Amino acid sequence: MDFVKSLQEIVGTGNVTASSVDCLAYSRDMSIHAGVPQAVAFVSTTEQVAAIMALADSRKVPVTARGTGSSVTGAVLAIKGGLVLD
């Protein structure tokens, strides 16, 4: 099964995006660095986070947690691609 479809089953179709425009928007913070994810998931419960982490681990997909994106170090960027959790 497709990774994005599996994410949608966990958080709902409206809470996952893999559009290139949306992913590009999540590729930067306040630093000079960039890292474009393959998808972004908007989570609201710890159960969703746990299910996504188990899914990502089983598929060897890197996961980056993101807050406001105001970091000046690039710490919230998906340097290795994969998934951004917001």
N, C-alpha and C. Protein backbone atom coordinates (compact mmCIF):
# COMPACT_ATOMS: atom_id res chain seq x y z
N MET A 1 0.84 -1.18 0.00
CA MET A 1 0.00 0.00 0.00
C MET A 1 0.89 1.24 0.00
N ASP A 2 0.44 2.26 -0.66
CA ASP A 2 1.15 3.52 -0.75
C ASP A 2 1.29 4.16 0.63
N PHE A 3 2.46 4.75 0.91
CA PHE A 3 2.73 5.36 2.21
C PHE A 3 1.74 6.49 2.51
N VAL A 4 1.47 7.34 1.54
CA VAL A 4 0.54 8.46 1.75
C VAL A 4 -0.87 7.94 2.05
N LYS A 5 -1.31 6.91 1.36
CA LYS A 5 -2.63 6.33 1.64
C LYS A 5 -2.69 5.78 3.07
N SER A 6 -1.60 5.16 3.49
CA SER A 6 -1.54 4.64 4.86
C SER A 6 -1.60 5.78 5.87
N LEU A 7 -0.93 6.89 5.57
CA LEU A 7 -1.00 8.07 6.44
C LEU A 7 -2.43 8.59 6.51
N GLN A 8 -3.09 8.64 5.37
CA GLN A 8 -4.47 9.13 5.32
C GLN A 8 -5.40 8.26 6.15
N GLU A 9 -5.14 6.97 6.20
CA GLU A 9 -5.96 6.09 7.03
C GLU A 9 -5.78 6.41 8.52
N ILE A 10 -4.62 6.92 8.88
CA ILE A 10 -4.34 7.24 10.28
C ILE A 10 -4.91 8.60 10.67
N VAL A 11 -4.68 9.63 9.84
CA VAL A 11 -5.06 11.00 10.23
C VAL A 11 -6.19 11.60 9.41
N GLY A 12 -6.66 10.89 8.38
CA GLY A 12 -7.71 11.41 7.52
C GLY A 12 -7.13 12.05 6.27
N THR A 13 -7.88 12.01 5.19
CA THR A 13 -7.37 12.48 3.90
C THR A 13 -7.06 13.97 3.90
N GLY A 14 -7.79 14.76 4.67
CA GLY A 14 -7.54 16.19 4.71
C GLY A 14 -6.37 16.61 5.56
N ASN A 15 -5.73 15.65 6.23
CA ASN A 15 -4.62 15.95 7.12
C ASN A 15 -3.28 15.43 6.63
N VAL A 16 -3.21 15.12 5.35
CA VAL A 16 -1.96 14.69 4.72
C VAL A 16 -1.84 15.39 3.37
N THR A 17 -0.67 15.89 3.09
CA THR A 17 -0.43 16.46 1.77
C THR A 17 0.90 15.97 1.22
N ALA A 18 0.91 15.71 -0.05
CA ALA A 18 2.15 15.35 -0.74
C ALA A 18 2.32 16.24 -1.97
N SER A 19 1.54 17.32 -2.02
CA SER A 19 1.66 18.21 -3.18
C SER A 19 3.03 18.89 -3.14
N SER A 20 3.60 19.09 -4.31
CA SER A 20 4.94 19.68 -4.38
C SER A 20 4.95 21.09 -3.81
N VAL A 21 3.89 21.84 -4.00
CA VAL A 21 3.82 23.21 -3.47
C VAL A 21 3.80 23.18 -1.94
N ASP A 22 2.96 22.32 -1.35
CA ASP A 22 2.90 22.23 0.11
C ASP A 22 4.22 21.74 0.69
N CYS A 23 4.80 20.74 0.06
CA CYS A 23 6.07 20.21 0.57
C CYS A 23 7.18 21.25 0.46
N LEU A 24 7.16 22.03 -0.59
CA LEU A 24 8.15 23.10 -0.74
C LEU A 24 7.98 24.14 0.37
N ALA A 25 6.74 24.42 0.76
CA ALA A 25 6.49 25.37 1.84
C ALA A 25 7.08 24.89 3.16
N TYR A 26 7.18 23.58 3.33
CA TYR A 26 7.76 23.01 4.55
C TYR A 26 9.25 22.72 4.41
N SER A 27 9.88 23.20 3.36
CA SER A 27 11.28 22.90 3.11
C SER A 27 12.24 23.90 3.71
N ARG A 28 11.73 24.98 4.29
CA ARG A 28 12.59 26.03 4.81
C ARG A 28 12.18 26.41 6.23
N ASP A 29 13.14 26.97 6.95
CA ASP A 29 12.85 27.65 8.21
C ASP A 29 13.56 28.99 8.14
N MET A 30 13.95 29.56 9.24
CA MET A 30 14.61 30.87 9.23
C MET A 30 16.11 30.76 8.94
N SER A 31 16.60 29.55 8.69
CA SER A 31 18.02 29.36 8.41
C SER A 31 18.28 29.42 6.90
N ILE A 32 19.51 29.19 6.52
CA ILE A 32 19.88 29.15 5.10
C ILE A 32 19.69 27.76 4.51
N HIS A 33 19.33 26.80 5.33
CA HIS A 33 19.23 25.40 4.92
C HIS A 33 17.87 25.09 4.29
N ALA A 34 17.80 23.99 3.56
CA ALA A 34 16.54 23.54 2.96
C ALA A 34 16.50 22.02 2.95
N GLY A 35 15.31 21.47 3.02
CA GLY A 35 15.10 20.03 2.95
C GLY A 35 13.65 19.77 2.62
N VAL A 36 13.39 19.25 1.44
CA VAL A 36 12.01 19.06 0.97
C VAL A 36 11.51 17.67 1.37
N PRO A 37 10.41 17.61 2.14
CA PRO A 37 9.83 16.31 2.49
C PRO A 37 9.03 15.75 1.32
N GLN A 38 8.73 14.46 1.36
CA GLN A 38 7.84 13.86 0.37
C GLN A 38 6.37 14.03 0.75
N ALA A 39 6.13 14.26 2.05
CA ALA A 39 4.76 14.43 2.53
C ALA A 39 4.77 15.18 3.86
N VAL A 40 3.63 15.76 4.18
CA VAL A 40 3.43 16.45 5.46
C VAL A 40 2.14 15.92 6.06
N ALA A 41 2.20 15.54 7.33
CA ALA A 41 1.01 15.06 8.03
C ALA A 41 0.71 15.98 9.20
N PHE A 42 -0.56 16.33 9.34
CA PHE A 42 -1.02 17.18 10.43
C PHE A 42 -1.69 16.28 11.46
N VAL A 43 -1.05 16.15 12.61
CA VAL A 43 -1.52 15.22 13.64
C VAL A 43 -2.16 15.98 14.79
N SER A 44 -3.04 15.30 15.50
CA SER A 44 -3.70 15.96 16.63
C SER A 44 -3.73 15.12 17.90
N THR A 45 -3.31 13.85 17.82
CA THR A 45 -3.32 13.00 19.02
C THR A 45 -2.02 12.23 19.13
N THR A 46 -1.72 11.82 20.34
CA THR A 46 -0.52 11.01 20.54
C THR A 46 -0.68 9.64 19.89
N GLU A 47 -1.92 9.16 19.79
CA GLU A 47 -2.16 7.87 19.12
C GLU A 47 -1.81 7.97 17.63
N GLN A 48 -2.15 9.09 17.01
CA GLN A 48 -1.79 9.27 15.61
C GLN A 48 -0.27 9.31 15.44
N VAL A 49 0.40 10.02 16.33
CA VAL A 49 1.87 10.09 16.26
C VAL A 49 2.46 8.69 16.40
N ALA A 50 1.99 7.93 17.36
CA ALA A 50 2.51 6.57 17.58
C ALA A 50 2.27 5.69 16.36
N ALA A 51 1.09 5.77 15.77
CA ALA A 51 0.78 4.95 14.59
C ALA A 51 1.64 5.36 13.39
N ILE A 52 1.84 6.67 13.22
CA ILE A 52 2.67 7.14 12.12
C ILE A 52 4.12 6.73 12.31
N MET A 53 4.62 6.83 13.53
CA MET A 53 6.01 6.43 13.79
C MET A 53 6.21 4.94 13.54
N ALA A 54 5.23 4.12 13.91
CA ALA A 54 5.33 2.68 13.64
C ALA A 54 5.32 2.42 12.13
N LEU A 55 4.45 3.11 11.41
CA LEU A 55 4.38 2.96 9.96
C LEU A 55 5.69 3.40 9.32
N ALA A 56 6.19 4.56 9.71
CA ALA A 56 7.43 5.08 9.13
C ALA A 56 8.60 4.15 9.43
N ASP A 57 8.65 3.61 10.63
CA ASP A 57 9.72 2.69 10.99
C ASP A 57 9.66 1.43 10.13
N SER A 58 8.46 0.92 9.92
CA SER A 58 8.32 -0.31 9.13
C SER A 58 8.72 -0.10 7.67
N ARG A 59 8.60 1.13 7.20
CA ARG A 59 8.93 1.45 5.80
C ARG A 59 10.27 2.17 5.66
N LYS A 60 10.96 2.38 6.80
CA LYS A 60 12.26 3.07 6.82
C LYS A 60 12.16 4.48 6.23
N VAL A 61 11.08 5.19 6.57
CA VAL A 61 10.86 6.56 6.11
C VAL A 61 11.30 7.51 7.23
N PRO A 62 12.22 8.44 6.94
CA PRO A 62 12.62 9.40 7.97
C PRO A 62 11.48 10.33 8.33
N VAL A 63 11.40 10.70 9.62
CA VAL A 63 10.35 11.58 10.11
C VAL A 63 10.99 12.77 10.81
N THR A 64 10.50 13.96 10.50
CA THR A 64 10.96 15.18 11.14
C THR A 64 9.77 15.86 11.79
N ALA A 65 9.89 16.17 13.08
CA ALA A 65 8.84 16.89 13.79
C ALA A 65 9.04 18.38 13.56
N ARG A 66 7.96 19.09 13.32
CA ARG A 66 8.05 20.52 13.04
C ARG A 66 7.11 21.29 13.95
N GLY A 67 7.59 22.41 14.44
CA GLY A 67 6.76 23.31 15.22
C GLY A 67 6.38 24.50 14.36
N THR A 68 6.91 25.65 14.71
CA THR A 68 6.55 26.87 13.99
C THR A 68 7.43 27.14 12.77
N GLY A 69 8.57 26.46 12.67
CA GLY A 69 9.47 26.71 11.54
C GLY A 69 10.31 27.95 11.73
N SER A 70 10.44 28.42 12.96
CA SER A 70 11.21 29.63 13.21
C SER A 70 12.65 29.35 13.64
N SER A 71 13.06 28.10 13.57
CA SER A 71 14.43 27.73 13.92
C SER A 71 15.42 28.42 12.99
N VAL A 72 16.57 28.75 13.50
CA VAL A 72 17.62 29.36 12.67
C VAL A 72 18.77 28.38 12.45
N THR A 73 18.52 27.10 12.75
CA THR A 73 19.57 26.10 12.61
C THR A 73 19.25 25.01 11.59
N GLY A 74 18.05 25.00 11.06
CA GLY A 74 17.64 23.95 10.12
C GLY A 74 17.19 22.69 10.80
N ALA A 75 16.99 22.73 12.11
CA ALA A 75 16.65 21.53 12.87
C ALA A 75 15.28 20.95 12.54
N VAL A 76 14.38 21.74 11.97
CA VAL A 76 13.02 21.26 11.68
C VAL A 76 12.85 20.89 10.21
N LEU A 77 13.94 20.77 9.47
CA LEU A 77 13.87 20.50 8.04
C LEU A 77 14.07 19.03 7.74
N ALA A 78 13.40 18.55 6.72
CA ALA A 78 13.50 17.15 6.31
C ALA A 78 14.70 16.99 5.37
N ILE A 79 15.88 17.09 5.93
CA ILE A 79 17.12 17.06 5.14
C ILE A 79 17.24 15.75 4.34
N LYS A 80 16.72 14.66 4.89
CA LYS A 80 16.77 13.36 4.20
C LYS A 80 15.45 13.03 3.52
N GLY A 81 14.58 14.04 3.33
CA GLY A 81 13.28 13.78 2.71
C GLY A 81 12.35 13.16 3.73
N GLY A 82 11.49 12.29 3.28
CA GLY A 82 10.59 11.58 4.15
C GLY A 82 9.37 12.40 4.53
N LEU A 83 9.00 12.33 5.81
CA LEU A 83 7.75 12.88 6.30
C LEU A 83 8.02 13.99 7.32
N VAL A 84 7.24 15.06 7.24
CA VAL A 84 7.23 16.09 8.28
C VAL A 84 5.93 15.95 9.04
N LEU A 85 6.04 15.91 10.38
CA LEU A 85 4.87 15.90 11.25
C LEU A 85 4.65 17.30 11.75
N ASP A 86 3.45 17.80 11.55
CA ASP A 86 3.13 19.15 12.02
C ASP A 86 1.96 19.06 12.98
